[in-house]
Amino acid sequence: MGYDIKRFLVPVNEGLFCGICRGVLEDPVQAPCEHAFCRVCIYEWLLTEHTCPEDRQVLLLHDLKPLFRYMKNDLNKLKIKCRNSLKGCNYSCNLEFISAHTRECKFEIMTCPNMECSDSILKMDLHDHLKECRDKSKMCAKGCGIAVSNMDDREHNCIQELRSAIEILRSEMVLQIENQKKEMENRLAIQREYMVKRESAMQAEITDLRNEISRISQKLKLLLDLEERRKADFDKMENERKELFEMLKNLQRQQRALNNCPNCQPTNNGKVTTI
């Protein structure tokens, strides 16, 4: 989740807001389409979705990259108040140092470390609280290493407590493994769905390319047929030209022969009469 805008002492550029929670970016990452999100926000989003929340382009976990350096620098330079300002903390600093302050802030709320005590107290009051805590605990004198309260000291059984601690650890490990397994299954499902869609898109592209190649082949065949016809027509015209040229030459020879014949005399009407 991002930082509350009300904590900032200076105006914040709109490009530094998370596209999901709309808070100021916290531990930011960036999609290839250059939209930025809080790491926790986008990780939770990608457990069920596989697109960018802003423009719906395909987005997978491995596509996320660190924020641009200039944006990171602008983010780190923002002045922010401590989250405990309403409890009395007046500290403010650049955003890049606020996490370190929060870990040390005396106005942070914490739970009493004694096992049986559930009181929530300010960190600054912890020392005084421990002096008066009715559930004040101490280390087991028998050496099992478990802290027990004064009230439970007589009923404490090291073996039973250690067994309980081991069972709790085992349960926590099983739960953690199950959660990791579910997360991996979700990521694999997202990746699988993306690959299926990508394969389908590629098959469609291949089909389109094949159809286009078929159309081009048909056009090429038509052009070749037209070229063959044009060539045949050209050859035919060339043969006819040669025949006409030969006929013209024959007519010219016959004309010259007639002109040179002493027995042929032209008549008054222009016709030649043979004597």
C-alpha atoms as a PDB file:
ATOM      1  CA  MET A   1       0.000   0.000   0.000  1.00  0.00           C
ATOM      2  CA  GLY A   2       1.221   3.471  -0.835  1.00  0.00           C
ATOM      3  CA  TYR A   3       1.875   6.400   1.486  1.00  0.00           C
ATOM      4  CA  ASP A   4      -1.041   8.628   2.475  1.00  0.00           C
ATOM      5  CA  ILE A   5      -0.859  11.879   0.479  1.00  0.00           C
ATOM      6  CA  LYS A   6      -1.776  13.840   3.645  1.00  0.00           C
ATOM      7  CA  ARG A   7       1.620  12.981   5.175  1.00  0.00           C
ATOM      8  CA  PHE A   8       3.578  14.917   2.552  1.00  0.00           C
ATOM      9  CA  LEU A   9       4.722  18.495   3.129  1.00  0.00           C
ATOM     10  CA  VAL A  10       5.172  19.297  -0.571  1.00  0.00           C
ATOM     11  CA  PRO A  11       2.988  18.766  -3.680  1.00  0.00           C
ATOM     12  CA  VAL A  12       3.420  15.304  -5.213  1.00  0.00           C
ATOM     13  CA  ASN A  13       3.651  14.787  -8.975  1.00  0.00           C
ATOM     14  CA  GLU A  14       0.772  12.703 -10.306  1.00  0.00           C
ATOM     15  CA  GLY A  15       3.240  10.306 -11.920  1.00  0.00           C
ATOM     16  CA  LEU A  16       4.390   9.216  -8.441  1.00  0.00           C
ATOM     17  CA  PHE A  17       1.008   7.753  -7.454  1.00  0.00           C
ATOM     18  CA  CYS A  18       0.350   3.996  -7.490  1.00  0.00           C
ATOM     19  CA  GLY A  19      -2.041   3.009 -10.275  1.00  0.00           C
ATOM     20  CA  ILE A  20      -3.854   0.602  -7.906  1.00  0.00           C
ATOM     21  CA  CYS A  21      -4.097   2.036  -4.383  1.00  0.00           C
ATOM     22  CA  ARG A  22      -3.690   5.682  -5.554  1.00  0.00           C
ATOM     23  CA  GLY A  23      -1.297   6.365  -2.689  1.00  0.00           C
ATOM     24  CA  VAL A  24       2.224   7.725  -3.163  1.00  0.00           C
ATOM     25  CA  LEU A  25       4.468   4.898  -4.407  1.00  0.00           C
ATOM     26  CA  GLU A  26       5.961   2.635  -1.733  1.00  0.00           C
ATOM     27  CA  ASP A  27       8.717   0.202  -2.797  1.00  0.00           C
ATOM     28  CA  PRO A  28       7.793   0.918  -6.434  1.00  0.00           C
ATOM     29  CA  VAL A  29       8.178  -1.197  -9.572  1.00  0.00           C
ATOM     30  CA  GLN A  30       7.390  -0.373 -13.175  1.00  0.00           C
ATOM     31  CA  ALA A  31       5.679  -2.214 -16.042  1.00  0.00           C
ATOM     32  CA  PRO A  32       7.091  -2.171 -19.613  1.00  0.00           C
ATOM     33  CA  CYS A  33       4.285   0.262 -20.503  1.00  0.00           C
ATOM     34  CA  GLU A  34       5.895   2.640 -17.924  1.00  0.00           C
ATOM     35  CA  HIS A  35       3.006   2.564 -15.431  1.00  0.00           C
ATOM     36  CA  ALA A  36       4.271   2.419 -11.834  1.00  0.00           C
ATOM     37  CA  PHE A  37       2.827   0.575  -8.823  1.00  0.00           C
ATOM     38  CA  CYS A  38       3.633  -0.281  -5.223  1.00  0.00           C
ATOM     39  CA  ARG A  39       5.316  -3.698  -5.169  1.00  0.00           C
ATOM     40  CA  VAL A  40       2.736  -5.199  -2.786  1.00  0.00           C
ATOM     41  CA  CYS A  41      -0.189  -3.795  -4.798  1.00  0.00           C
ATOM     42  CA  ILE A  42       0.929  -5.127  -8.192  1.00  0.00           C
ATOM     43  CA  TYR A  43       2.002  -8.513  -6.758  1.00  0.00           C
ATOM     44  CA  GLU A  44      -1.476  -9.006  -5.293  1.00  0.00           C
ATOM     45  CA  TRP A  45      -3.039  -7.872  -8.585  1.00  0.00           C
ATOM     46  CA  LEU A  46      -1.022 -10.342 -10.659  1.00  0.00           C
ATOM     47  CA  LEU A  47      -2.163 -13.259  -8.504  1.00  0.00           C
ATOM     48  CA  THR A  48      -5.520 -13.100 -10.302  1.00  0.00           C
ATOM     49  CA  GLU A  49      -4.878 -10.889 -13.358  1.00  0.00           C
ATOM     50  CA  HIS A  50      -2.288 -10.893 -16.158  1.00  0.00           C
ATOM     51  CA  THR A  51      -2.719  -7.391 -17.551  1.00  0.00           C
ATOM     52  CA  CYS A  52      -1.635  -3.893 -16.559  1.00  0.00           C
ATOM     53  CA  PRO A  53      -4.341  -2.252 -14.374  1.00  0.00           C
ATOM     54  CA  GLU A  54      -3.959   0.998 -16.327  1.00  0.00           C
ATOM     55  CA  ASP A  55      -4.010   0.064 -20.037  1.00  0.00           C
ATOM     56  CA  ARG A  56      -4.810  -3.699 -19.955  1.00  0.00           C
ATOM     57  CA  GLN A  57      -1.679  -4.673 -21.851  1.00  0.00           C
ATOM     58  CA  VAL A  58      -0.337  -8.151 -21.085  1.00  0.00           C
ATOM     59  CA  LEU A  59       1.764  -8.037 -17.896  1.00  0.00           C
ATOM     60  CA  LEU A  60       3.482 -10.853 -15.992  1.00  0.00           C
ATOM     61  CA  LEU A  61       5.515 -10.803 -12.794  1.00  0.00           C
ATOM     62  CA  HIS A  62       8.866 -11.175 -14.569  1.00  0.00           C
ATOM     63  CA  ASP A  63       8.062  -8.122 -16.727  1.00  0.00           C
ATOM     64  CA  LEU A  64       8.270  -5.756 -13.736  1.00  0.00           C
ATOM     65  CA  LYS A  65      11.382  -3.570 -13.562  1.00  0.00           C
ATOM     66  CA  PRO A  66      12.790  -1.017 -11.083  1.00  0.00           C
ATOM     67  CA  LEU A  67      11.423   2.498 -11.303  1.00  0.00           C
ATOM     68  CA  PHE A  68      13.241   4.937 -13.615  1.00  0.00           C
ATOM     69  CA  ARG A  69      16.140   6.529 -11.742  1.00  0.00           C
ATOM     70  CA  TYR A  70      14.911  10.089 -12.200  1.00  0.00           C
ATOM     71  CA  MET A  71      11.472   9.105 -10.832  1.00  0.00           C
ATOM     72  CA  LYS A  72      13.095   7.278  -7.922  1.00  0.00           C
ATOM     73  CA  ASN A  73      15.174  10.371  -7.134  1.00  0.00           C
ATOM     74  CA  ASP A  74      12.085  12.607  -7.236  1.00  0.00           C
ATOM     75  CA  LEU A  75      10.280  10.173  -4.955  1.00  0.00           C
ATOM     76  CA  ASN A  76      13.114   9.967  -2.425  1.00  0.00           C
ATOM     77  CA  LYS A  77      13.362  13.756  -2.179  1.00  0.00           C
ATOM     78  CA  LEU A  78       9.727  14.239  -1.116  1.00  0.00           C
ATOM     79  CA  LYS A  79       9.321  15.608   2.419  1.00  0.00           C
ATOM     80  CA  ILE A  80       7.098  13.380   4.564  1.00  0.00           C
ATOM     81  CA  LYS A  81       5.850  13.401   8.152  1.00  0.00           C
ATOM     82  CA  CYS A  82       6.146  10.435  10.501  1.00  0.00           C
ATOM     83  CA  ARG A  83       3.061   8.223  10.444  1.00  0.00           C
ATOM     84  CA  ASN A  84       2.786   8.790  14.180  1.00  0.00           C
ATOM     85  CA  SER A  85       2.413  12.559  13.845  1.00  0.00           C
ATOM     86  CA  LEU A  86      -1.098  12.444  15.344  1.00  0.00           C
ATOM     87  CA  LYS A  87       0.336  10.664  18.387  1.00  0.00           C
ATOM     88  CA  GLY A  88       2.850  13.430  18.995  1.00  0.00           C
ATOM     89  CA  CYS A  89       5.850  12.697  16.746  1.00  0.00           C
ATOM     90  CA  ASN A  90       6.969  15.879  14.971  1.00  0.00           C
ATOM     91  CA  TYR A  91       9.701  14.240  12.885  1.00  0.00           C
ATOM     92  CA  SER A  92       9.827  14.816   9.119  1.00  0.00           C
ATOM     93  CA  CYS A  93      12.462  13.876   6.546  1.00  0.00           C
ATOM     94  CA  ASN A  94      13.035  12.836   2.949  1.00  0.00           C
ATOM     95  CA  LEU A  95      11.012   9.781   1.977  1.00  0.00           C
ATOM     96  CA  GLU A  96      14.117   7.608   1.541  1.00  0.00           C
ATOM     97  CA  PHE A  97      14.859   7.907   5.299  1.00  0.00           C
ATOM     98  CA  ILE A  98      11.338   7.477   6.699  1.00  0.00           C
ATOM     99  CA  SER A  99      11.543   3.668   7.058  1.00  0.00           C
ATOM    100  CA  ALA A 100      14.638   3.923   9.242  1.00  0.00           C
ATOM    101  CA  HIS A 101      12.912   6.501  11.447  1.00  0.00           C
ATOM    102  CA  THR A 102       9.739   4.392  11.743  1.00  0.00           C
ATOM    103  CA  ARG A 103      11.743   1.468  13.132  1.00  0.00           C
ATOM    104  CA  GLU A 104      13.152   3.743  15.863  1.00  0.00           C
ATOM    105  CA  CYS A 105      10.165   6.050  16.453  1.00  0.00           C
ATOM    106  CA  LYS A 106       9.226   6.181  20.150  1.00  0.00           C
ATOM    107  CA  PHE A 107       5.584   6.763  19.232  1.00  0.00           C
ATOM    108  CA  GLU A 108       5.240   3.413  17.451  1.00  0.00           C
ATOM    109  CA  ILE A 109       2.623   1.064  18.900  1.00  0.00           C
ATOM    110  CA  MET A 110       3.930  -2.339  19.954  1.00  0.00           C
ATOM    111  CA  THR A 111       2.635  -5.376  21.836  1.00  0.00           C
ATOM    112  CA  CYS A 112       4.071  -6.348  25.180  1.00  0.00           C
ATOM    113  CA  PRO A 113       6.722  -9.067  24.642  1.00  0.00           C
ATOM    114  CA  ASN A 114       5.430 -11.103  27.577  1.00  0.00           C
ATOM    115  CA  MET A 115       3.564 -14.148  26.245  1.00  0.00           C
ATOM    116  CA  GLU A 116       0.424 -13.843  28.324  1.00  0.00           C
ATOM    117  CA  CYS A 117       0.146 -10.049  27.999  1.00  0.00           C
ATOM    118  CA  SER A 118      -1.723  -8.605  25.008  1.00  0.00           C
ATOM    119  CA  ASP A 119      -1.410  -4.924  25.953  1.00  0.00           C
ATOM    120  CA  SER A 120      -0.511  -2.477  23.167  1.00  0.00           C
ATOM    121  CA  ILE A 121       1.767   0.321  24.279  1.00  0.00           C
ATOM    122  CA  LEU A 122       3.982   3.086  22.878  1.00  0.00           C
ATOM    123  CA  LYS A 123       7.572   2.064  22.395  1.00  0.00           C
ATOM    124  CA  MET A 124       8.630   4.868  24.733  1.00  0.00           C
ATOM    125  CA  ASP A 125       6.478   3.374  27.515  1.00  0.00           C
ATOM    126  CA  LEU A 126       7.714  -0.208  27.148  1.00  0.00           C
ATOM    127  CA  HIS A 127      10.310   0.003  29.922  1.00  0.00           C
ATOM    128  CA  ASP A 128       7.820   1.267  32.491  1.00  0.00           C
ATOM    129  CA  HIS A 129       5.195  -1.233  31.359  1.00  0.00           C
ATOM    130  CA  LEU A 130       7.529  -4.207  31.792  1.00  0.00           C
ATOM    131  CA  LYS A 131       8.188  -3.197  35.389  1.00  0.00           C
ATOM    132  CA  GLU A 132       4.483  -3.364  36.205  1.00  0.00           C
ATOM    133  CA  CYS A 133       3.302  -6.095  33.796  1.00  0.00           C
ATOM    134  CA  ARG A 134       1.382  -8.747  35.772  1.00  0.00           C
ATOM    135  CA  ASP A 135       2.374 -11.321  33.168  1.00  0.00           C
ATOM    136  CA  LYS A 136       6.071 -10.554  33.508  1.00  0.00           C
ATOM    137  CA  SER A 137       8.015 -13.524  32.214  1.00  0.00           C
ATOM    138  CA  LYS A 138      11.404 -15.065  32.877  1.00  0.00           C
ATOM    139  CA  MET A 139      13.510 -17.763  31.320  1.00  0.00           C
ATOM    140  CA  CYS A 140      12.842 -21.309  32.526  1.00  0.00           C
ATOM    141  CA  ALA A 141      15.336 -22.244  35.252  1.00  0.00           C
ATOM    142  CA  LYS A 142      15.450 -25.849  34.004  1.00  0.00           C
ATOM    143  CA  GLY A 143      17.196 -24.858  30.800  1.00  0.00           C
ATOM    144  CA  CYS A 144      14.531 -25.399  28.102  1.00  0.00           C
ATOM    145  CA  GLY A 145      14.966 -21.768  26.993  1.00  0.00           C
ATOM    146  CA  ILE A 146      11.241 -20.915  27.065  1.00  0.00           C
ATOM    147  CA  ALA A 147      10.044 -17.758  28.767  1.00  0.00           C
ATOM    148  CA  VAL A 148       7.335 -18.400  31.400  1.00  0.00           C
ATOM    149  CA  SER A 149       5.274 -16.001  33.445  1.00  0.00           C
ATOM    150  CA  ASN A 150       5.385 -15.969  37.222  1.00  0.00           C
ATOM    151  CA  MET A 151       1.814 -17.265  37.289  1.00  0.00           C
ATOM    152  CA  ASP A 152       2.657 -20.296  35.093  1.00  0.00           C
ATOM    153  CA  ASP A 153       6.008 -21.147  36.691  1.00  0.00           C
ATOM    154  CA  ARG A 154       4.655 -23.976  38.824  1.00  0.00           C
ATOM    155  CA  GLU A 155       2.684 -25.594  36.012  1.00  0.00           C
ATOM    156  CA  HIS A 156       5.500 -25.336  33.472  1.00  0.00           C
ATOM    157  CA  ASN A 157       6.518 -28.640  31.821  1.00  0.00           C
ATOM    158  CA  CYS A 158       9.667 -28.333  29.679  1.00  0.00           C
ATOM    159  CA  ILE A 159       9.009 -31.407  27.512  1.00  0.00           C
ATOM    160  CA  GLN A 160       5.399 -30.498  26.888  1.00  0.00           C
ATOM    161  CA  GLU A 161       6.289 -26.886  26.118  1.00  0.00           C
ATOM    162  CA  LEU A 162       9.056 -27.911  23.723  1.00  0.00           C
ATOM    163  CA  ARG A 163       6.701 -30.320  21.970  1.00  0.00           C
ATOM    164  CA  SER A 164       4.124 -27.570  21.658  1.00  0.00           C
ATOM    165  CA  ALA A 165       6.761 -25.169  20.295  1.00  0.00           C
ATOM    166  CA  ILE A 166       7.901 -27.773  17.739  1.00  0.00           C
ATOM    167  CA  GLU A 167       4.298 -28.434  16.689  1.00  0.00           C
ATOM    168  CA  ILE A 168       3.682 -24.708  16.279  1.00  0.00           C
ATOM    169  CA  LEU A 169       6.837 -24.368  14.167  1.00  0.00           C
ATOM    170  CA  ARG A 170       5.815 -27.385  12.108  1.00  0.00           C
ATOM    171  CA  SER A 171       2.336 -25.919  11.533  1.00  0.00           C
ATOM    172  CA  GLU A 172       3.822 -22.570  10.572  1.00  0.00           C
ATOM    173  CA  MET A 173       6.226 -24.250   8.140  1.00  0.00           C
ATOM    174  CA  VAL A 174       3.404 -26.315   6.594  1.00  0.00           C
ATOM    175  CA  LEU A 175       1.268 -23.181   6.248  1.00  0.00           C
ATOM    176  CA  GLN A 176       4.161 -21.261   4.710  1.00  0.00           C
ATOM    177  CA  ILE A 177       4.867 -24.095   2.274  1.00  0.00           C
ATOM    178  CA  GLU A 178       1.173 -24.266   1.335  1.00  0.00           C
ATOM    179  CA  ASN A 179       1.052 -20.515   0.779  1.00  0.00           C
ATOM    180  CA  GLN A 180       4.188 -20.641  -1.378  1.00  0.00           C
ATOM    181  CA  LYS A 181       2.731 -23.606  -3.276  1.00  0.00           C
ATOM    182  CA  LYS A 182      -0.517 -21.717  -3.936  1.00  0.00           C
ATOM    183  CA  GLU A 183       1.410 -18.640  -5.032  1.00  0.00           C
ATOM    184  CA  MET A 184       3.534 -20.702  -7.415  1.00  0.00           C
ATOM    185  CA  GLU A 185       0.420 -22.445  -8.754  1.00  0.00           C
ATOM    186  CA  ASN A 186      -1.236 -19.066  -9.340  1.00  0.00           C
ATOM    187  CA  ARG A 187       1.849 -17.761 -11.116  1.00  0.00           C
ATOM    188  CA  LEU A 188       2.085 -20.924 -13.223  1.00  0.00           C
ATOM    189  CA  ALA A 189      -1.609 -20.661 -14.064  1.00  0.00           C
ATOM    190  CA  ILE A 190      -1.119 -17.049 -15.136  1.00  0.00           C
ATOM    191  CA  GLN A 191       1.933 -18.019 -17.196  1.00  0.00           C
ATOM    192  CA  ARG A 192       0.092 -20.989 -18.695  1.00  0.00           C
ATOM    193  CA  GLU A 193      -2.908 -18.870 -19.625  1.00  0.00           C
ATOM    194  CA  TYR A 194      -0.625 -16.301 -21.208  1.00  0.00           C
ATOM    195  CA  MET A 195       1.218 -18.995 -23.184  1.00  0.00           C
ATOM    196  CA  VAL A 196      -2.088 -20.521 -24.385  1.00  0.00           C
ATOM    197  CA  LYS A 197      -3.312 -17.122 -25.548  1.00  0.00           C
ATOM    198  CA  ARG A 198       0.050 -16.361 -27.123  1.00  0.00           C
ATOM    199  CA  GLU A 199       0.039 -19.725 -28.911  1.00  0.00           C
ATOM    200  CA  SER A 200      -3.497 -19.085 -30.148  1.00  0.00           C
ATOM    201  CA  ALA A 201      -2.487 -15.633 -31.390  1.00  0.00           C
ATOM    202  CA  MET A 202       0.571 -17.083 -33.145  1.00  0.00           C
ATOM    203  CA  GLN A 203      -1.566 -19.799 -34.766  1.00  0.00           C
ATOM    204  CA  ALA A 204      -3.940 -17.117 -36.005  1.00  0.00           C
ATOM    205  CA  GLU A 205      -0.981 -15.150 -37.382  1.00  0.00           C
ATOM    206  CA  ILE A 206       0.367 -18.275 -39.088  1.00  0.00           C
ATOM    207  CA  THR A 207      -3.072 -18.948 -40.631  1.00  0.00           C
ATOM    208  CA  ASP A 208      -3.251 -15.357 -41.868  1.00  0.00           C
ATOM    209  CA  LEU A 209       0.250 -15.636 -43.328  1.00  0.00           C
ATOM    210  CA  ARG A 210      -0.637 -18.883 -45.081  1.00  0.00           C
ATOM    211  CA  ASN A 211      -3.777 -17.298 -46.532  1.00  0.00           C
ATOM    212  CA  GLU A 212      -1.761 -14.299 -47.657  1.00  0.00           C
ATOM    213  CA  ILE A 213       0.857 -16.560 -49.249  1.00  0.00           C
ATOM    214  CA  SER A 214      -1.942 -18.456 -51.019  1.00  0.00           C
ATOM    215  CA  ARG A 215      -3.411 -15.197 -52.349  1.00  0.00           C
ATOM    216  CA  ILE A 216       0.005 -14.019 -53.498  1.00  0.00           C
ATOM    217  CA  SER A 217       0.637 -17.390 -55.182  1.00  0.00           C
ATOM    218  CA  GLN A 218      -2.659 -17.149 -57.034  1.00  0.00           C
ATOM    219  CA  LYS A 219      -1.864 -13.612 -58.159  1.00  0.00           C
ATOM    220  CA  LEU A 220       1.613 -14.704 -59.227  1.00  0.00           C
ATOM    221  CA  LYS A 221       0.167 -17.611 -61.200  1.00  0.00           C
ATOM    222  CA  LEU A 222      -2.293 -15.242 -62.866  1.00  0.00           C
ATOM    223  CA  LEU A 223       0.514 -12.848 -63.735  1.00  0.00           C
ATOM    224  CA  LEU A 224       2.583 -15.702 -65.182  1.00  0.00           C
ATOM    225  CA  ASP A 225      -0.401 -16.842 -67.270  1.00  0.00           C
ATOM    226  CA  LEU A 226      -0.909 -13.291 -68.505  1.00  0.00           C
ATOM    227  CA  GLU A 227       2.788 -13.073 -69.311  1.00  0.00           C
ATOM    228  CA  GLU A 228       2.598 -16.306 -71.306  1.00  0.00           C
ATOM    229  CA  ARG A 229      -0.419 -15.000 -73.206  1.00  0.00           C
ATOM    230  CA  ARG A 230       1.276 -11.677 -73.858  1.00  0.00           C
ATOM    231  CA  LYS A 231       4.361 -13.484 -75.111  1.00  0.00           C
ATOM    232  CA  ALA A 232       2.248 -15.715 -77.379  1.00  0.00           C
ATOM    233  CA  ASP A 233       0.370 -12.662 -78.702  1.00  0.00           C
ATOM    234  CA  PHE A 234       3.657 -10.875 -79.247  1.00  0.00           C
ATOM    235  CA  ASP A 235       5.103 -13.853 -81.144  1.00  0.00           C
ATOM    236  CA  LYS A 236       1.938 -14.066 -83.238  1.00  0.00           C
ATOM    237  CA  MET A 237       2.100 -10.340 -84.058  1.00  0.00           C
ATOM    238  CA  GLU A 238       5.772 -10.691 -84.909  1.00  0.00           C
ATOM    239  CA  ASN A 239       5.036 -13.541 -87.312  1.00  0.00           C
ATOM    240  CA  GLU A 240       2.210 -11.558 -88.914  1.00  0.00           C
ATOM    241  CA  ARG A 241       4.528  -8.554 -89.239  1.00  0.00           C
ATOM    242  CA  LYS A 242       7.129 -10.698 -90.975  1.00  0.00           C
ATOM    243  CA  GLU A 243       4.494 -12.149 -93.309  1.00  0.00           C
ATOM    244  CA  LEU A 244       3.173  -8.674 -94.170  1.00  0.00           C
ATOM    245  CA  PHE A 245       6.683  -7.413 -94.691  1.00  0.00           C
ATOM    246  CA  GLU A 246       7.410 -10.353 -97.008  1.00  0.00           C
ATOM    247  CA  MET A 247       4.191  -9.734 -98.937  1.00  0.00           C
ATOM    248  CA  LEU A 248       5.117  -6.057 -99.284  1.00  0.00           C
ATOM    249  CA  LYS A 249       8.524  -6.988-100.659  1.00  0.00           C
ATOM    250  CA  ASN A 250       6.916  -9.359-103.167  1.00  0.00           C
ATOM    251  CA  LEU A 251       4.507  -6.649-104.291  1.00  0.00           C
ATOM    252  CA  GLN A 252       7.398  -4.198-104.714  1.00  0.00           C
ATOM    253  CA  ARG A 253       9.312  -6.743-106.825  1.00  0.00           C
ATOM    254  CA  GLN A 254       6.276  -7.371-108.964  1.00  0.00           C
ATOM    255  CA  GLN A 255       5.775  -3.625-109.433  1.00  0.00           C
ATOM    256  CA  ARG A 256       9.359  -3.117-110.496  1.00  0.00           C
ATOM    257  CA  ALA A 257       9.055  -6.061-112.883  1.00  0.00           C
ATOM    258  CA  LEU A 258       5.981  -4.541-114.464  1.00  0.00           C
ATOM    259  CA  ASN A 259       7.638  -1.155-114.816  1.00  0.00           C
ATOM    260  CA  ASN A 260      10.631  -2.687-116.599  1.00  0.00           C
ATOM    261  CA  CYS A 261       8.625  -4.964-118.941  1.00  0.00           C
ATOM    262  CA  PRO A 262       8.888  -3.727-122.627  1.00  0.00           C
ATOM    263  CA  ASN A 263       5.718  -5.574-123.623  1.00  0.00           C
ATOM    264  CA  CYS A 264       3.593  -3.835-120.973  1.00  0.00           C
ATOM    265  CA  GLN A 265       2.213  -0.383-121.921  1.00  0.00           C
ATOM    266  CA  PRO A 266      -0.079   1.708-119.761  1.00  0.00           C
ATOM    267  CA  THR A 267      -3.452   2.630-121.326  1.00  0.00           C
ATOM    268  CA  ASN A 268      -5.184   5.965-121.146  1.00  0.00           C
ATOM    269  CA  ASN A 269      -7.201   4.805-118.147  1.00  0.00           C
ATOM    270  CA  GLY A 270      -3.981   3.866-116.337  1.00  0.00           C
ATOM    271  CA  LYS A 271      -4.340   0.090-116.814  1.00  0.00           C
ATOM    272  CA  VAL A 272      -1.495  -1.935-118.225  1.00  0.00           C
ATOM    273  CA  THR A 273      -2.235  -3.901-121.365  1.00  0.00           C
ATOM    274  CA  THR A 274      -0.037  -6.822-122.349  1.00  0.00           C
ATOM    275  CA  ILE A 275       0.891  -6.915-126.064  1.00  0.00           C
END
